Amino acid sequence: MLEFDLKALCEQAGVSLYDDELVSENGRKIYRVYITKKGGVSLEECAKLSEILSPILDVKPPCAGEYSLEVSSPGLERRLVKPQHFELSVGERAVFVMSDKSKIVGEILGISKAQSKLNADEEDATSISVRDENGEQKELNLSEIKKAKTFVNALFKVLLRANLTRQ
């Protein structure tokens, strides 16, 4: 299935496509669709998209053989790969592992694309603006980021768990 089709189906369900992946866990194939929405994604919205996708995937499966479909939000702590992932994470804290194996922790301030002045046909260079733990602003070239993931600090996790158990 083309990502373009998947994006349109997500919009039909009132959500945005964050990412999709096909993984194998314990010998099972799982096709995961991650969705987002301003204010968060509800269980009902995940179920609605699953109901929309199921009959289509019966005809156009994402892989050969049996698989399971999972629809969910990418979560509070999620991997960042595509420029869109970084755009959706502005204001959040993330850890970056660079291609030189250095590690940078900081808040994502923004994303920018710089057109090459040497060759107009050359791909745009994407950089991520980050304020590190020392308060310094850094520009990270997307092509030099080996891994990136948002994270929630431990105090926030404790407060979130306490709030959820009170409900």
Foldseek 3Di string as FASTA:
>chain_A
DDVVVVQVLLVVLVWGWPDWDWDADPNAIETETATADVVGDDPVSQVVSCVVVVVVCVVVPPDPDDHHYGYYHCDQKHWDQDLVSLAVQAQFWKWFQWQVRDIFTFGFHHKDWDQDPVDNPDGTWMWTWTQTPVRDIDTHTSVGTPIMITDDDPVVVVVVVVVVVVD
